[in-house]
Amino acid sequence: MAATAASGSAAPAVRWELTGACYCRASGELRCRAELTERDCTRRCRDELCDDWFWLERRPCWNWGYGG
């Protein structure tokens, strides 16, 4: 019974935040940071003085090339 009471409604609610790719363009160069929330992306890009930025939820960074 103690286990049931301990795991009842007193447990904190878990809030999920999506992560994704954060792209920042500064001085004509496009850079990406992976696994950031949209809020973290916005904060990081403002701190790094990016000219513009965008965030893609649940996406990895893409290098726009095919290797070779």
Protein backbone atom coordinates (compact mmCIF):
# COMPACT_ATOMS: atom_id res chain seq x y z
CA MET A 1 0.00 0.00 0.00
CA ALA A 2 2.87 2.39 0.71
CA ALA A 3 4.15 1.98 -2.85
CA THR A 4 0.76 2.93 -4.25
CA ALA A 5 0.52 6.04 -2.09
CA ALA A 6 4.08 7.10 -2.96
CA SER A 7 3.44 6.89 -6.69
CA GLY A 8 0.06 8.63 -6.58
CA SER A 9 -0.84 12.13 -7.69
CA ALA A 10 2.03 13.69 -5.72
CA ALA A 11 4.48 12.80 -8.51
CA PRO A 12 5.54 15.85 -10.57
CA ALA A 13 4.24 16.11 -14.12
CA VAL A 14 6.86 15.54 -16.81
CA ARG A 15 6.84 18.13 -19.59
CA TRP A 16 8.38 17.07 -22.87
CA GLU A 17 10.16 19.60 -25.05
CA LEU A 18 11.05 18.73 -28.60
CA THR A 19 14.62 19.10 -29.73
CA GLY A 20 15.87 19.70 -33.22
CA ALA A 21 18.39 21.38 -35.47
CA CYS A 22 19.19 25.03 -34.88
CA TYR A 23 20.60 26.89 -37.90
CA CYS A 24 22.36 30.24 -37.50
CA ARG A 25 23.57 32.43 -40.36
CA ALA A 26 26.30 34.92 -39.47
CA SER A 27 28.81 36.59 -41.80
CA GLY A 28 27.41 34.61 -44.72
CA GLU A 29 28.13 31.26 -43.05
CA LEU A 30 25.36 28.84 -42.08
CA ARG A 31 26.09 26.80 -38.95
CA CYS A 32 24.00 24.17 -37.18
CA ARG A 33 23.76 22.98 -33.59
CA ALA A 34 21.88 19.74 -32.98
CA GLU A 35 19.62 18.64 -30.13
CA LEU A 36 18.43 22.08 -29.01
CA THR A 37 14.94 23.11 -27.99
CA GLU A 38 13.40 26.02 -29.87
CA ARG A 39 13.87 28.24 -26.81
CA ASP A 40 17.56 27.28 -26.51
CA CYS A 41 18.05 27.87 -30.23
CA THR A 42 16.60 31.37 -30.04
CA ARG A 43 18.69 32.24 -26.99
CA ARG A 44 21.91 30.89 -28.51
CA CYS A 45 21.39 32.66 -31.83
CA ARG A 46 20.67 35.98 -30.14
CA ASP A 47 23.77 35.58 -27.96
CA GLU A 48 25.91 34.75 -31.01
CA LEU A 49 24.49 37.76 -32.93
CA CYS A 50 23.25 35.67 -35.84
CA ASP A 51 21.88 37.62 -38.81
CA ASP A 52 18.99 35.17 -39.03
CA TRP A 53 18.16 31.71 -37.72
CA PHE A 54 15.63 28.92 -37.88
CA TRP A 55 14.85 25.78 -35.91
CA LEU A 56 13.61 22.48 -37.32
CA GLU A 57 11.91 20.25 -34.77
CA ARG A 58 12.95 16.61 -34.51
CA ARG A 59 15.56 16.98 -37.25
CA PRO A 60 19.31 16.38 -37.22
CA CYS A 61 21.73 18.90 -38.65
CA TRP A 62 22.24 18.50 -42.38
CA ASN A 63 25.49 19.46 -44.07
CA TRP A 64 23.80 20.02 -47.49
CA GLY A 65 26.41 17.87 -49.19
CA TYR A 66 26.68 14.29 -50.33
CA GLY A 67 30.28 13.65 -49.36
CA GLY A 68 32.60 12.00 -51.78
